Amino acid sequence: MEIEIITNEEEYTAVLQRIDEILNAKKGTPEYDELQKLTDLVEDYEDGLCS
């Protein structure tokens, strides 16, 4: 999934679904790197909602 920032609920939901798909990715795999990036994006989006 190529996304740099989550800007709306639709993207947020899609990212959460993708995280669920790759949740058990093994360290050192491309999916693990993607998981790390996506979780950071979710945190940033959720922090923005609470500001």
N, C-alpha and C. Protein backbone atom coordinates (compact mmCIF):
# COMPACT_ATOMS: atom_id res chain seq x y z
N MET A 1 0.85 -1.17 0.00
CA MET A 1 0.00 0.00 0.00
C MET A 1 0.90 1.23 0.00
N GLU A 2 0.70 2.07 -0.98
CA GLU A 2 1.48 3.31 -1.08
C GLU A 2 0.64 4.47 -0.58
N ILE A 3 0.95 4.92 0.60
CA ILE A 3 0.26 6.06 1.19
C ILE A 3 1.26 6.80 2.07
N GLU A 4 1.22 8.10 2.01
CA GLU A 4 2.18 8.91 2.77
C GLU A 4 1.55 9.57 3.99
N ILE A 5 0.23 9.78 3.92
CA ILE A 5 -0.48 10.41 5.03
C ILE A 5 -1.94 9.99 4.93
N ILE A 6 -2.56 9.78 6.07
CA ILE A 6 -3.98 9.45 6.11
C ILE A 6 -4.74 10.76 6.26
N THR A 7 -5.65 11.01 5.30
CA THR A 7 -6.35 12.30 5.30
C THR A 7 -7.84 12.20 5.60
N ASN A 8 -8.38 10.96 5.60
CA ASN A 8 -9.82 10.84 5.85
C ASN A 8 -10.14 9.44 6.39
N GLU A 9 -11.39 9.26 6.81
CA GLU A 9 -11.84 8.00 7.40
C GLU A 9 -11.73 6.82 6.44
N GLU A 10 -11.96 7.06 5.16
CA GLU A 10 -11.88 5.99 4.17
C GLU A 10 -10.45 5.44 4.09
N GLU A 11 -9.48 6.32 4.03
CA GLU A 11 -8.08 5.89 4.02
C GLU A 11 -7.71 5.21 5.33
N TYR A 12 -8.17 5.77 6.43
CA TYR A 12 -7.92 5.21 7.76
C TYR A 12 -8.42 3.77 7.83
N THR A 13 -9.63 3.54 7.38
CA THR A 13 -10.21 2.19 7.38
C THR A 13 -9.41 1.25 6.49
N ALA A 14 -9.01 1.71 5.33
CA ALA A 14 -8.22 0.88 4.41
C ALA A 14 -6.87 0.51 5.02
N VAL A 15 -6.24 1.45 5.69
CA VAL A 15 -4.95 1.19 6.33
C VAL A 15 -5.13 0.19 7.46
N LEU A 16 -6.18 0.34 8.26
CA LEU A 16 -6.43 -0.62 9.33
C LEU A 16 -6.67 -2.02 8.79
N GLN A 17 -7.36 -2.13 7.67
CA GLN A 17 -7.59 -3.44 7.05
C GLN A 17 -6.27 -4.05 6.58
N ARG A 18 -5.42 -3.23 5.99
CA ARG A 18 -4.12 -3.72 5.51
C ARG A 18 -3.26 -4.16 6.70
N ILE A 19 -3.27 -3.39 7.78
CA ILE A 19 -2.52 -3.77 8.98
C ILE A 19 -2.99 -5.14 9.46
N ASP A 20 -4.29 -5.36 9.47
CA ASP A 20 -4.84 -6.64 9.90
C ASP A 20 -4.32 -7.78 9.02
N GLU A 21 -4.19 -7.53 7.72
CA GLU A 21 -3.72 -8.54 6.79
C GLU A 21 -2.27 -8.93 7.03
N ILE A 22 -1.44 -7.98 7.44
CA ILE A 22 0.00 -8.24 7.55
C ILE A 22 0.48 -8.20 9.00
N LEU A 23 -0.44 -8.30 9.94
CA LEU A 23 -0.12 -8.15 11.35
C LEU A 23 0.97 -9.10 11.84
N ASN A 24 1.05 -10.28 11.30
CA ASN A 24 2.03 -11.27 11.74
C ASN A 24 3.26 -11.34 10.85
N ALA A 25 3.55 -10.27 10.14
CA ALA A 25 4.71 -10.25 9.25
C ALA A 25 5.99 -10.46 10.05
N LYS A 26 6.91 -11.20 9.46
CA LYS A 26 8.19 -11.48 10.11
C LYS A 26 9.17 -10.33 9.89
N LYS A 27 9.90 -10.02 10.96
CA LYS A 27 10.91 -8.97 10.91
C LYS A 27 11.87 -9.23 9.75
N GLY A 28 12.22 -8.18 9.03
CA GLY A 28 13.13 -8.29 7.90
C GLY A 28 12.46 -8.49 6.56
N THR A 29 11.12 -8.59 6.56
CA THR A 29 10.40 -8.76 5.31
C THR A 29 9.82 -7.42 4.86
N PRO A 30 9.50 -7.32 3.57
CA PRO A 30 8.88 -6.07 3.10
C PRO A 30 7.55 -5.79 3.81
N GLU A 31 6.80 -6.85 4.13
CA GLU A 31 5.53 -6.67 4.82
C GLU A 31 5.75 -6.10 6.23
N TYR A 32 6.81 -6.51 6.89
CA TYR A 32 7.12 -5.98 8.22
C TYR A 32 7.43 -4.49 8.13
N ASP A 33 8.22 -4.11 7.13
CA ASP A 33 8.53 -2.69 6.94
C ASP A 33 7.26 -1.90 6.65
N GLU A 34 6.38 -2.47 5.83
CA GLU A 34 5.10 -1.81 5.53
C GLU A 34 4.26 -1.69 6.80
N LEU A 35 4.24 -2.72 7.61
CA LEU A 35 3.49 -2.70 8.85
C LEU A 35 3.96 -1.58 9.77
N GLN A 36 5.26 -1.42 9.88
CA GLN A 36 5.82 -0.37 10.72
C GLN A 36 5.39 1.01 10.22
N LYS A 37 5.48 1.20 8.91
CA LYS A 37 5.09 2.49 8.31
C LYS A 37 3.61 2.77 8.52
N LEU A 38 2.78 1.75 8.29
CA LEU A 38 1.34 1.96 8.42
C LEU A 38 0.91 2.23 9.85
N THR A 39 1.54 1.55 10.79
CA THR A 39 1.19 1.82 12.19
C THR A 39 1.59 3.24 12.59
N ASP A 40 2.70 3.71 12.07
CA ASP A 40 3.10 5.11 12.32
C ASP A 40 2.07 6.08 11.74
N LEU A 41 1.59 5.78 10.54
CA LEU A 41 0.59 6.64 9.90
C LEU A 41 -0.70 6.67 10.71
N VAL A 42 -1.11 5.52 11.23
CA VAL A 42 -2.32 5.44 12.04
C VAL A 42 -2.15 6.26 13.31
N GLU A 43 -1.01 6.12 13.96
CA GLU A 43 -0.74 6.90 15.17
C GLU A 43 -0.81 8.40 14.89
N ASP A 44 -0.20 8.82 13.80
CA ASP A 44 -0.22 10.24 13.43
C ASP A 44 -1.65 10.71 13.18
N TYR A 45 -2.42 9.91 12.47
CA TYR A 45 -3.81 10.28 12.16
C TYR A 45 -4.63 10.36 13.44
N GLU A 46 -4.48 9.36 14.32
CA GLU A 46 -5.24 9.35 15.57
C GLU A 46 -4.82 10.50 16.48
N ASP A 47 -3.54 10.83 16.51
CA ASP A 47 -3.08 11.97 17.29
C ASP A 47 -3.71 13.26 16.79
N GLY A 48 -3.86 13.38 15.48
CA GLY A 48 -4.46 14.56 14.88
C GLY A 48 -5.94 14.71 15.23
N LEU A 49 -6.61 13.59 15.41
CA LEU A 49 -8.03 13.62 15.77
C LEU A 49 -8.22 14.07 17.21
N CYS A 50 -7.23 13.81 18.03
CA CYS A 50 -7.33 14.15 19.45
C CYS A 50 -6.80 15.54 19.76
N SER A 51 -6.21 16.20 18.80
CA SER A 51 -5.61 17.52 19.05
C SER A 51 -6.66 18.61 19.10
